[in-house]
Amino acid sequence: MAFFKFEGKDDNIMKTIINDPIIYKAHERYTSFSRNDELLEIYEARMKWQMQYNADIGYAVEKAKKETAEIVAKKNAKKMRI
């Protein structure tokens, strides 16, 4: 994760980090991906969809909580009348 943090900022740290062959390969894939406009557009569309999906789920959960509270309140009111 350090190469994401120091990418383009500190050449000495990047040289040290990239000495690890696994990190070097990951870094190469990352830079290749970030230069590809088509892949970047696909990634951004996916992230936009994911954020909208999460917002929709959050809204549905809050709505369900409110509806459940209303149902429980109505049942409790009925019990108190009896």
PDB file of N, CA and C in Angstrom:
ATOM      1  N   MET A   1       0.811  -1.189   0.000  1.00  0.00           N
ATOM      2  CA  MET A   1       0.000   0.000   0.000  1.00  0.00           C
ATOM      3  C   MET A   1       0.862   1.264   0.000  1.00  0.00           C
ATOM      4  N   ALA A   2       2.088   1.121   0.389  1.00  0.00           N
ATOM      5  CA  ALA A   2       2.957   2.297   0.462  1.00  0.00           C
ATOM      6  C   ALA A   2       3.181   2.900  -0.917  1.00  0.00           C
ATOM      7  N   PHE A   3       3.223   2.062  -1.973  1.00  0.00           N
ATOM      8  CA  PHE A   3       3.491   2.655  -3.284  1.00  0.00           C
ATOM      9  C   PHE A   3       2.336   3.523  -3.745  1.00  0.00           C
ATOM     10  N   PHE A   4       1.100   3.277  -3.263  1.00  0.00           N
ATOM     11  CA  PHE A   4      -0.009   4.169  -3.581  1.00  0.00           C
ATOM     12  C   PHE A   4       0.188   5.514  -2.880  1.00  0.00           C
ATOM     13  N   LYS A   5       0.669   5.441  -1.635  1.00  0.00           N
ATOM     14  CA  LYS A   5       0.854   6.652  -0.841  1.00  0.00           C
ATOM     15  C   LYS A   5       1.993   7.519  -1.383  1.00  0.00           C
ATOM     16  N   PHE A   6       3.084   6.884  -1.793  1.00  0.00           N
ATOM     17  CA  PHE A   6       4.267   7.630  -2.200  1.00  0.00           C
ATOM     18  C   PHE A   6       4.437   7.757  -3.716  1.00  0.00           C
ATOM     19  N   GLU A   7       3.499   7.230  -4.481  1.00  0.00           N
ATOM     20  CA  GLU A   7       3.571   7.289  -5.940  1.00  0.00           C
ATOM     21  C   GLU A   7       3.772   8.728  -6.404  1.00  0.00           C
ATOM     22  N   GLY A   8       4.868   8.956  -7.110  1.00  0.00           N
ATOM     23  CA  GLY A   8       5.166  10.266  -7.665  1.00  0.00           C
ATOM     24  C   GLY A   8       5.613  11.312  -6.659  1.00  0.00           C
ATOM     25  N   LYS A   9       5.806  10.932  -5.403  1.00  0.00           N
ATOM     26  CA  LYS A   9       6.163  11.916  -4.376  1.00  0.00           C
ATOM     27  C   LYS A   9       7.598  11.771  -3.905  1.00  0.00           C
ATOM     28  N   ASP A  10       8.029  10.545  -3.637  1.00  0.00           N
ATOM     29  CA  ASP A  10       9.362  10.342  -3.070  1.00  0.00           C
ATOM     30  C   ASP A  10      10.051   9.211  -3.831  1.00  0.00           C
ATOM     31  N   ASP A  11      10.975   9.571  -4.718  1.00  0.00           N
ATOM     32  CA  ASP A  11      11.640   8.579  -5.560  1.00  0.00           C
ATOM     33  C   ASP A  11      12.455   7.570  -4.755  1.00  0.00           C
ATOM     34  N   ASN A  12      13.088   7.994  -3.675  1.00  0.00           N
ATOM     35  CA  ASN A  12      13.894   7.069  -2.868  1.00  0.00           C
ATOM     36  C   ASN A  12      13.032   5.984  -2.245  1.00  0.00           C
ATOM     37  N   ILE A  13      11.909   6.365  -1.712  1.00  0.00           N
ATOM     38  CA  ILE A  13      11.008   5.373  -1.108  1.00  0.00           C
ATOM     39  C   ILE A  13      10.457   4.460  -2.193  1.00  0.00           C
ATOM     40  N   MET A  14      10.076   5.038  -3.334  1.00  0.00           N
ATOM     41  CA  MET A  14       9.533   4.222  -4.425  1.00  0.00           C
ATOM     42  C   MET A  14      10.563   3.211  -4.914  1.00  0.00           C
ATOM     43  N   LYS A  15      11.827   3.605  -5.025  1.00  0.00           N
ATOM     44  CA  LYS A  15      12.867   2.666  -5.467  1.00  0.00           C
ATOM     45  C   LYS A  15      13.004   1.514  -4.479  1.00  0.00           C
ATOM     46  N   THR A  16      12.943   1.825  -3.210  1.00  0.00           N
ATOM     47  CA  THR A  16      13.041   0.791  -2.173  1.00  0.00           C
ATOM     48  C   THR A  16      11.843  -0.145  -2.227  1.00  0.00           C
ATOM     49  N   ILE A  17      10.661   0.421  -2.364  1.00  0.00           N
ATOM     50  CA  ILE A  17       9.435  -0.384  -2.382  1.00  0.00           C
ATOM     51  C   ILE A  17       9.404  -1.289  -3.607  1.00  0.00           C
ATOM     52  N   ILE A  18       9.804  -0.772  -4.757  1.00  0.00           N
ATOM     53  CA  ILE A  18       9.698  -1.522  -6.008  1.00  0.00           C
ATOM     54  C   ILE A  18      10.744  -2.634  -6.102  1.00  0.00           C
ATOM     55  N   ASN A  19      11.692  -2.700  -5.200  1.00  0.00           N
ATOM     56  CA  ASN A  19      12.647  -3.805  -5.201  1.00  0.00           C
ATOM     57  C   ASN A  19      11.975  -5.140  -4.932  1.00  0.00           C
ATOM     58  N   ASP A  20      10.824  -5.125  -4.302  1.00  0.00           N
ATOM     59  CA  ASP A  20      10.056  -6.354  -4.067  1.00  0.00           C
ATOM     60  C   ASP A  20       9.356  -6.715  -5.374  1.00  0.00           C
ATOM     61  N   PRO A  21       9.609  -7.917  -5.932  1.00  0.00           N
ATOM     62  CA  PRO A  21       9.046  -8.264  -7.247  1.00  0.00           C
ATOM     63  C   PRO A  21       7.512  -8.279  -7.276  1.00  0.00           C
ATOM     64  N   ILE A  22       6.876  -8.665  -6.194  1.00  0.00           N
ATOM     65  CA  ILE A  22       5.404  -8.698  -6.154  1.00  0.00           C
ATOM     66  C   ILE A  22       4.855  -7.285  -6.181  1.00  0.00           C
ATOM     67  N   ILE A  23       5.453  -6.415  -5.389  1.00  0.00           N
ATOM     68  CA  ILE A  23       5.005  -5.019  -5.371  1.00  0.00           C
ATOM     69  C   ILE A  23       5.303  -4.352  -6.710  1.00  0.00           C
ATOM     70  N   TYR A  24       6.442  -4.687  -7.313  1.00  0.00           N
ATOM     71  CA  TYR A  24       6.784  -4.129  -8.619  1.00  0.00           C
ATOM     72  C   TYR A  24       5.729  -4.508  -9.657  1.00  0.00           C
ATOM     73  N   LYS A  25       5.322  -5.780  -9.650  1.00  0.00           N
ATOM     74  CA  LYS A  25       4.310  -6.242 -10.609  1.00  0.00           C
ATOM     75  C   LYS A  25       2.980  -5.525 -10.367  1.00  0.00           C
ATOM     76  N   ALA A  26       2.599  -5.387  -9.102  1.00  0.00           N
ATOM     77  CA  ALA A  26       1.360  -4.673  -8.769  1.00  0.00           C
ATOM     78  C   ALA A  26       1.444  -3.216  -9.208  1.00  0.00           C
ATOM     79  N   HIS A  27       2.601  -2.611  -9.000  1.00  0.00           N
ATOM     80  CA  HIS A  27       2.799  -1.216  -9.396  1.00  0.00           C
ATOM     81  C   HIS A  27       2.690  -1.065 -10.906  1.00  0.00           C
ATOM     82  N   GLU A  28       3.272  -1.990 -11.637  1.00  0.00           N
ATOM     83  CA  GLU A  28       3.193  -1.939 -13.097  1.00  0.00           C
ATOM     84  C   GLU A  28       1.744  -2.065 -13.578  1.00  0.00           C
ATOM     85  N   ARG A  29       0.998  -2.972 -12.985  1.00  0.00           N
ATOM     86  CA  ARG A  29      -0.405  -3.135 -13.367  1.00  0.00           C
ATOM     87  C   ARG A  29      -1.210  -1.883 -13.028  1.00  0.00           C
ATOM     88  N   TYR A  30      -0.927  -1.322 -11.869  1.00  0.00           N
ATOM     89  CA  TYR A  30      -1.634  -0.108 -11.443  1.00  0.00           C
ATOM     90  C   TYR A  30      -1.360   1.044 -12.411  1.00  0.00           C
ATOM     91  N   THR A  31      -0.108   1.271 -12.747  1.00  0.00           N
ATOM     92  CA  THR A  31       0.216   2.390 -13.641  1.00  0.00           C
ATOM     93  C   THR A  31      -0.330   2.137 -15.044  1.00  0.00           C
ATOM     94  N   SER A  32      -0.305   0.880 -15.480  1.00  0.00           N
ATOM     95  CA  SER A  32      -0.865   0.537 -16.783  1.00  0.00           C
ATOM     96  C   SER A  32      -2.367   0.802 -16.792  1.00  0.00           C
ATOM     97  N   PHE A  33      -3.039   0.399 -15.735  1.00  0.00           N
ATOM     98  CA  PHE A  33      -4.480   0.598 -15.617  1.00  0.00           C
ATOM     99  C   PHE A  33      -4.830   2.081 -15.583  1.00  0.00           C
ATOM    100  N   SER A  34      -4.064   2.841 -14.815  1.00  0.00           N
ATOM    101  CA  SER A  34      -4.393   4.262 -14.654  1.00  0.00           C
ATOM    102  C   SER A  34      -4.140   5.063 -15.931  1.00  0.00           C
ATOM    103  N   ARG A  35      -3.358   4.523 -16.855  1.00  0.00           N
ATOM    104  CA  ARG A  35      -3.106   5.205 -18.128  1.00  0.00           C
ATOM    105  C   ARG A  35      -4.121   4.825 -19.197  1.00  0.00           C
ATOM    106  N   ASN A  36      -4.893   3.759 -18.962  1.00  0.00           N
ATOM    107  CA  ASN A  36      -5.845   3.269 -19.950  1.00  0.00           C
ATOM    108  C   ASN A  36      -7.192   3.969 -19.733  1.00  0.00           C
ATOM    109  N   ASP A  37      -7.559   4.871 -20.620  1.00  0.00           N
ATOM    110  CA  ASP A  37      -8.782   5.663 -20.465  1.00  0.00           C
ATOM    111  C   ASP A  37     -10.044   4.797 -20.457  1.00  0.00           C
ATOM    112  N   GLU A  38     -10.067   3.760 -21.288  1.00  0.00           N
ATOM    113  CA  GLU A  38     -11.252   2.903 -21.354  1.00  0.00           C
ATOM    114  C   GLU A  38     -11.450   2.157 -20.031  1.00  0.00           C
ATOM    115  N   LEU A  39     -10.371   1.586 -19.490  1.00  0.00           N
ATOM    116  CA  LEU A  39     -10.483   0.884 -18.210  1.00  0.00           C
ATOM    117  C   LEU A  39     -10.827   1.841 -17.080  1.00  0.00           C
ATOM    118  N   LEU A  40     -10.269   3.026 -17.130  1.00  0.00           N
ATOM    119  CA  LEU A  40     -10.558   4.025 -16.105  1.00  0.00           C
ATOM    120  C   LEU A  40     -12.032   4.427 -16.149  1.00  0.00           C
ATOM    121  N   GLU A  41     -12.570   4.566 -17.345  1.00  0.00           N
ATOM    122  CA  GLU A  41     -13.985   4.909 -17.501  1.00  0.00           C
ATOM    123  C   GLU A  41     -14.873   3.785 -16.969  1.00  0.00           C
ATOM    124  N   ILE A  42     -14.504   2.546 -17.249  1.00  0.00           N
ATOM    125  CA  ILE A  42     -15.255   1.399 -16.736  1.00  0.00           C
ATOM    126  C   ILE A  42     -15.202   1.370 -15.213  1.00  0.00           C
ATOM    127  N   TYR A  43     -14.026   1.606 -14.671  1.00  0.00           N
ATOM    128  CA  TYR A  43     -13.855   1.623 -13.215  1.00  0.00           C
ATOM    129  C   TYR A  43     -14.712   2.718 -12.577  1.00  0.00           C
ATOM    130  N   GLU A  44     -14.684   3.917 -13.160  1.00  0.00           N
ATOM    131  CA  GLU A  44     -15.455   5.022 -12.605  1.00  0.00           C
ATOM    132  C   GLU A  44     -16.955   4.742 -12.687  1.00  0.00           C
ATOM    133  N   ALA A  45     -17.408   4.133 -13.778  1.00  0.00           N
ATOM    134  CA  ALA A  45     -18.823   3.782 -13.910  1.00  0.00           C
ATOM    135  C   ALA A  45     -19.210   2.752 -12.849  1.00  0.00           C
ATOM    136  N   ARG A  46     -18.335   1.792 -12.614  1.00  0.00           N
ATOM    137  CA  ARG A  46     -18.592   0.768 -11.600  1.00  0.00           C
ATOM    138  C   ARG A  46     -18.662   1.398 -10.211  1.00  0.00           C
ATOM    139  N   MET A  47     -17.751   2.325  -9.925  1.00  0.00           N
ATOM    140  CA  MET A  47     -17.759   2.985  -8.622  1.00  0.00           C
ATOM    141  C   MET A  47     -19.019   3.837  -8.450  1.00  0.00           C
ATOM    142  N   LYS A  48     -19.429   4.513  -9.508  1.00  0.00           N
ATOM    143  CA  LYS A  48     -20.655   5.315  -9.450  1.00  0.00           C
ATOM    144  C   LYS A  48     -21.853   4.415  -9.174  1.00  0.00           C
ATOM    145  N   TRP A  49     -21.922   3.277  -9.874  1.00  0.00           N
ATOM    146  CA  TRP A  49     -23.011   2.339  -9.660  1.00  0.00           C
ATOM    147  C   TRP A  49     -23.002   1.829  -8.220  1.00  0.00           C
ATOM    148  N   GLN A  50     -21.811   1.482  -7.716  1.00  0.00           N
ATOM    149  CA  GLN A  50     -21.691   0.948  -6.355  1.00  0.00           C
ATOM    150  C   GLN A  50     -22.146   1.973  -5.320  1.00  0.00           C
ATOM    151  N   MET A  51     -21.764   3.219  -5.503  1.00  0.00           N
ATOM    152  CA  MET A  51     -22.182   4.257  -4.555  1.00  0.00           C
ATOM    153  C   MET A  51     -23.692   4.460  -4.595  1.00  0.00           C
ATOM    154  N   GLN A  52     -24.277   4.437  -5.784  1.00  0.00           N
ATOM    155  CA  GLN A  52     -25.721   4.600  -5.909  1.00  0.00           C
ATOM    156  C   GLN A  52     -26.444   3.407  -5.287  1.00  0.00           C
ATOM    157  N   TYR A  53     -25.928   2.213  -5.532  1.00  0.00           N
ATOM    158  CA  TYR A  53     -26.503   0.996  -4.953  1.00  0.00           C
ATOM    159  C   TYR A  53     -26.478   1.074  -3.430  1.00  0.00           C
ATOM    160  N   ASN A  54     -25.334   1.453  -2.869  1.00  0.00           N
ATOM    161  CA  ASN A  54     -25.216   1.562  -1.416  1.00  0.00           C
ATOM    162  C   ASN A  54     -26.178   2.606  -0.860  1.00  0.00           C
ATOM    163  N   ALA A  55     -26.335   3.723  -1.568  1.00  0.00           N
ATOM    164  CA  ALA A  55     -27.272   4.756  -1.131  1.00  0.00           C
ATOM    165  C   ALA A  55     -28.706   4.229  -1.172  1.00  0.00           C
ATOM    166  N   ASP A  56     -29.043   3.505  -2.227  1.00  0.00           N
ATOM    167  CA  ASP A  56     -30.386   2.935  -2.340  1.00  0.00           C
ATOM    168  C   ASP A  56     -30.664   1.923  -1.232  1.00  0.00           C
ATOM    169  N   ILE A  57     -29.685   1.093  -0.932  1.00  0.00           N
ATOM    170  CA  ILE A  57     -29.845   0.112   0.149  1.00  0.00           C
ATOM    171  C   ILE A  57     -30.010   0.833   1.490  1.00  0.00           C
ATOM    172  N   GLY A  58     -29.195   1.849   1.715  1.00  0.00           N
ATOM    173  CA  GLY A  58     -29.305   2.624   2.954  1.00  0.00           C
ATOM    174  C   GLY A  58     -30.673   3.261   3.097  1.00  0.00           C
ATOM    175  N   TYR A  59     -31.188   3.814   2.008  1.00  0.00           N
ATOM    176  CA  TYR A  59     -32.518   4.420   2.021  1.00  0.00           C
ATOM    177  C   TYR A  59     -33.578   3.367   2.329  1.00  0.00           C
ATOM    178  N   ALA A  60     -33.476   2.215   1.697  1.00  0.00           N
ATOM    179  CA  ALA A  60     -34.452   1.145   1.917  1.00  0.00           C
ATOM    180  C   ALA A  60     -34.436   0.666   3.367  1.00  0.00           C
ATOM    181  N   VAL A  61     -33.256   0.557   3.934  1.00  0.00           N
ATOM    182  CA  VAL A  61     -33.136   0.118   5.327  1.00  0.00           C
ATOM    183  C   VAL A  61     -33.789   1.138   6.259  1.00  0.00           C
ATOM    184  N   GLU A  62     -33.509   2.421   6.038  1.00  0.00           N
ATOM    185  CA  GLU A  62     -34.106   3.467   6.873  1.00  0.00           C
ATOM    186  C   GLU A  62     -35.624   3.498   6.727  1.00  0.00           C
ATOM    187  N   LYS A  63     -36.103   3.330   5.513  1.00  0.00           N
ATOM    188  CA  LYS A  63     -37.547   3.305   5.274  1.00  0.00           C
ATOM    189  C   LYS A  63     -38.186   2.106   5.977  1.00  0.00           C
ATOM    190  N   ALA A  64     -37.532   0.950   5.908  1.00  0.00           N
ATOM    191  CA  ALA A  64     -38.045  -0.253   6.575  1.00  0.00           C
ATOM    192  C   ALA A  64     -38.080  -0.059   8.091  1.00  0.00           C
ATOM    193  N   LYS A  65     -37.059   0.580   8.647  1.00  0.00           N
ATOM    194  CA  LYS A  65     -37.041   0.847  10.091  1.00  0.00           C
ATOM    195  C   LYS A  65     -38.219   1.736  10.488  1.00  0.00           C
ATOM    196  N   LYS A  66     -38.462   2.768   9.690  1.00  0.00           N
ATOM    197  CA  LYS A  66     -39.557   3.687   9.986  1.00  0.00           C
ATOM    198  C   LYS A  66     -40.902   2.974   9.903  1.00  0.00           C
ATOM    199  N   GLU A  67     -41.076   2.184   8.841  1.00  0.00           N
ATOM    200  CA  GLU A  67     -42.337   1.452   8.682  1.00  0.00           C
ATOM    201  C   GLU A  67     -42.536   0.441   9.803  1.00  0.00           C
ATOM    202  N   THR A  68     -41.479  -0.220  10.205  1.00  0.00           N
ATOM    203  CA  THR A  68     -41.565  -1.188  11.297  1.00  0.00           C
ATOM    204  C   THR A  68     -41.936  -0.492  12.599  1.00  0.00           C
ATOM    205  N   ALA A  69     -41.343   0.654  12.856  1.00  0.00           N
ATOM    206  CA  ALA A  69     -41.664   1.411  14.066  1.00  0.00           C
ATOM    207  C   ALA A  69     -43.124   1.832  14.068  1.00  0.00           C
ATOM    208  N   GLU A  70     -43.639   2.227  12.911  1.00  0.00           N
ATOM    209  CA  GLU A  70     -45.055   2.605  12.812  1.00  0.00           C
ATOM    210  C   GLU A  70     -45.961   1.411  13.080  1.00  0.00           C
ATOM    211  N   ILE A  71     -45.626   0.259  12.544  1.00  0.00           N
ATOM    212  CA  ILE A  71     -46.425  -0.951  12.753  1.00  0.00           C
ATOM    213  C   ILE A  71     -46.432  -1.334  14.224  1.00  0.00           C
ATOM    214  N   VAL A  72     -45.260  -1.294  14.836  1.00  0.00           N
ATOM    215  CA  VAL A  72     -45.149  -1.632  16.262  1.00  0.00           C
ATOM    216  C   VAL A  72     -45.952  -0.644  17.096  1.00  0.00           C
ATOM    217  N   ALA A  73     -45.889   0.615  16.753  1.00  0.00           N
ATOM    218  CA  ALA A  73     -46.645   1.633  17.492  1.00  0.00           C
ATOM    219  C   ALA A  73     -48.143   1.387  17.373  1.00  0.00           C
ATOM    220  N   LYS A  74     -48.614   1.024  16.187  1.00  0.00           N
ATOM    221  CA  LYS A  74     -50.047   0.744  15.983  1.00  0.00           C
ATOM    222  C   LYS A  74     -50.467  -0.481  16.790  1.00  0.00           C
ATOM    223  N   LYS A  75     -49.626  -1.533  16.800  1.00  0.00           N
ATOM    224  CA  LYS A  75     -49.953  -2.738  17.568  1.00  0.00           C
ATOM    225  C   LYS A  75     -49.998  -2.434  19.061  1.00  0.00           C
ATOM    226  N   ASN A  76     -49.062  -1.627  19.522  1.00  0.00           N
ATOM    227  CA  ASN A  76     -49.046  -1.252  20.946  1.00  0.00           C
ATOM    228  C   ASN A  76     -50.275  -0.425  21.290  1.00  0.00           C
ATOM    229  N   ALA A  77     -50.693   0.455  20.390  1.00  0.00           N
ATOM    230  CA  ALA A  77     -51.898   1.268  20.616  1.00  0.00           C
ATOM    231  C   ALA A  77     -53.128   0.390  20.708  1.00  0.00           C
ATOM    232  N   LYS A  78     -53.214  -0.625  19.841  1.00  0.00           N
ATOM    233  CA  LYS A  78     -54.345  -1.561  19.875  1.00  0.00           C
ATOM    234  C   LYS A  78     -54.374  -2.316  21.192  1.00  0.00           C
ATOM    235  N   LYS A  79     -53.221  -2.752  21.656  1.00  0.00           N
ATOM    236  CA  LYS A  79     -53.144  -3.491  22.918  1.00  0.00           C
ATOM    237  C   LYS A  79     -53.609  -2.623  24.082  1.00  0.00           C
ATOM    238  N   MET A  80     -53.311  -1.352  24.027  1.00  0.00           N
ATOM    239  CA  MET A  80     -53.681  -0.458  25.124  1.00  0.00           C
ATOM    240  C   MET A  80     -55.187  -0.203  25.147  1.00  0.00           C
ATOM    241  N   ARG A  81     -55.877  -0.296  24.001  1.00  0.00           N
ATOM    242  CA  ARG A  81     -57.316  -0.094  23.924  1.00  0.00           C
ATOM    243  C   ARG A  81     -58.076  -1.278  24.504  1.00  0.00           C
ATOM    244  N   ILE A  82     -57.516  -2.454  24.423  1.00  0.00           N
ATOM    245  CA  ILE A  82     -58.201  -3.676  24.858  1.00  0.00           C
ATOM    246  C   ILE A  82     -58.300  -3.762  26.332  1.00  0.00           C
TER     247      ILE A  82
END
